[in-house]
Amino acid sequence: MTVLFGTVEYFEKEIVNHMSNEQLQDLSINKSLEIAYSSTKNDILNVFICSDIIRKDLFKNLEKAYEKVRISMGR
């Protein structure tokens, strides 16, 4: 199944991928999750070029993905 950029599912995968990074594996799950979330949010702000309307939608989806990952990890 293909996951489209900007969807909740896409951001879930991004967060989990960031968390599996070797540099974050030694941190607590909460800290790793926060860093992965912040990194993804930073990418939306500074790397991805789009209109403010699209950016707002991306942030909404990122927030939803963050909550889903947080809940799935029992936090």
C-alpha atoms as a PDB file:
ATOM      1  CA  MET A   1       0.000   0.000   0.000  1.00  0.00           C
ATOM      2  CA  THR A   2       1.316   3.419  -0.934  1.00  0.00           C
ATOM      3  CA  VAL A   3       1.216   6.118   1.710  1.00  0.00           C
ATOM      4  CA  LEU A   4       0.850   9.617   0.306  1.00  0.00           C
ATOM      5  CA  PHE A   5       2.966  12.508   1.535  1.00  0.00           C
ATOM      6  CA  GLY A   6       1.247  14.642   4.110  1.00  0.00           C
ATOM      7  CA  THR A   7      -1.330  12.107   5.253  1.00  0.00           C
ATOM      8  CA  VAL A   8      -1.642  11.043   8.875  1.00  0.00           C
ATOM      9  CA  GLU A   9      -0.288   7.626   7.926  1.00  0.00           C
ATOM     10  CA  TYR A  10       2.724   9.216   6.241  1.00  0.00           C
ATOM     11  CA  PHE A  11       3.581  11.205   9.359  1.00  0.00           C
ATOM     12  CA  GLU A  12       3.087   8.160  11.574  1.00  0.00           C
ATOM     13  CA  LYS A  13       5.704   6.343   9.511  1.00  0.00           C
ATOM     14  CA  GLU A  14       8.013   9.352   9.602  1.00  0.00           C
ATOM     15  CA  ILE A  15       7.802   9.627  13.391  1.00  0.00           C
ATOM     16  CA  VAL A  16       8.406   5.906  13.893  1.00  0.00           C
ATOM     17  CA  ASN A  17      11.302   5.967  11.407  1.00  0.00           C
ATOM     18  CA  HIS A  18      12.885   8.904  13.246  1.00  0.00           C
ATOM     19  CA  MET A  19      12.450   7.107  16.553  1.00  0.00           C
ATOM     20  CA  SER A  20      14.244   4.035  15.220  1.00  0.00           C
ATOM     21  CA  ASN A  21      17.271   6.162  14.334  1.00  0.00           C
ATOM     22  CA  GLU A  22      20.340   4.918  16.207  1.00  0.00           C
ATOM     23  CA  GLN A  23      20.869   8.290  17.880  1.00  0.00           C
ATOM     24  CA  LEU A  24      17.383   8.193  19.436  1.00  0.00           C
ATOM     25  CA  GLN A  25      17.277   4.537  20.461  1.00  0.00           C
ATOM     26  CA  ASP A  26      19.118   5.149  23.734  1.00  0.00           C
ATOM     27  CA  LEU A  27      16.640   7.828  24.840  1.00  0.00           C
ATOM     28  CA  SER A  28      13.369   7.285  26.663  1.00  0.00           C
ATOM     29  CA  ILE A  29      10.352   6.668  24.456  1.00  0.00           C
ATOM     30  CA  ASN A  30       8.878  10.046  25.408  1.00  0.00           C
ATOM     31  CA  LYS A  31      12.072  11.927  24.593  1.00  0.00           C
ATOM     32  CA  SER A  32      12.548  10.003  21.348  1.00  0.00           C
ATOM     33  CA  LEU A  33       8.952  10.726  20.349  1.00  0.00           C
ATOM     34  CA  GLU A  34       9.305  14.436  21.111  1.00  0.00           C
ATOM     35  CA  ILE A  35      12.524  14.720  19.100  1.00  0.00           C
ATOM     36  CA  ALA A  36      11.012  12.826  16.147  1.00  0.00           C
ATOM     37  CA  TYR A  37       7.932  15.066  16.245  1.00  0.00           C
ATOM     38  CA  SER A  38      10.013  18.245  16.457  1.00  0.00           C
ATOM     39  CA  SER A  39      12.267  17.142  13.624  1.00  0.00           C
ATOM     40  CA  THR A  40       9.318  16.390  11.362  1.00  0.00           C
ATOM     41  CA  LYS A  41       7.657  19.681  12.257  1.00  0.00           C
ATOM     42  CA  ASN A  42      10.901  21.507  11.527  1.00  0.00           C
ATOM     43  CA  ASP A  43      11.082  19.844   8.112  1.00  0.00           C
ATOM     44  CA  ILE A  44       7.589  21.105   7.297  1.00  0.00           C
ATOM     45  CA  LEU A  45       8.548  24.619   8.381  1.00  0.00           C
ATOM     46  CA  ASN A  46      11.945  24.893   6.749  1.00  0.00           C
ATOM     47  CA  VAL A  47      12.395  22.277   4.037  1.00  0.00           C
ATOM     48  CA  PHE A  48       9.063  21.691   2.368  1.00  0.00           C
ATOM     49  CA  ILE A  49       7.979  24.625   0.220  1.00  0.00           C
ATOM     50  CA  CYS A  50       4.201  25.074   0.087  1.00  0.00           C
ATOM     51  CA  SER A  51       1.407  27.540   0.727  1.00  0.00           C
ATOM     52  CA  ASP A  52       0.348  28.406   4.265  1.00  0.00           C
ATOM     53  CA  ILE A  53      -2.977  26.634   3.721  1.00  0.00           C
ATOM     54  CA  ILE A  54      -1.249  23.373   2.840  1.00  0.00           C
ATOM     55  CA  ARG A  55       1.218  23.840   5.691  1.00  0.00           C
ATOM     56  CA  LYS A  56      -1.682  24.161   8.163  1.00  0.00           C
ATOM     57  CA  ASP A  57      -3.159  20.914   6.843  1.00  0.00           C
ATOM     58  CA  LEU A  58       0.223  19.217   7.168  1.00  0.00           C
ATOM     59  CA  PHE A  59       0.510  20.381  10.781  1.00  0.00           C
ATOM     60  CA  LYS A  60      -2.976  19.067  11.551  1.00  0.00           C
ATOM     61  CA  ASN A  61      -2.074  15.685  10.123  1.00  0.00           C
ATOM     62  CA  LEU A  62       1.245  15.678  11.956  1.00  0.00           C
ATOM     63  CA  GLU A  63      -0.558  16.390  15.246  1.00  0.00           C
ATOM     64  CA  LYS A  64      -2.976  13.525  14.618  1.00  0.00           C
ATOM     65  CA  ALA A  65      -0.100  11.190  13.769  1.00  0.00           C
ATOM     66  CA  TYR A  66       1.791  12.245  16.891  1.00  0.00           C
ATOM     67  CA  GLU A  67      -1.237  11.448  19.056  1.00  0.00           C
ATOM     68  CA  LYS A  68      -1.751   8.079  17.373  1.00  0.00           C
ATOM     69  CA  VAL A  69       1.888   7.093  17.896  1.00  0.00           C
ATOM     70  CA  ARG A  70       1.862   8.385  21.473  1.00  0.00           C
ATOM     71  CA  ILE A  71      -1.270   6.413  22.315  1.00  0.00           C
ATOM     72  CA  SER A  72      -0.013   3.268  20.586  1.00  0.00           C
ATOM     73  CA  MET A  73       3.108   3.419  22.753  1.00  0.00           C
ATOM     74  CA  GLY A  74       1.022   3.751  25.877  1.00  0.00           C
ATOM     75  CA  ARG A  75       2.095   7.288  26.687  1.00  0.00           C
END
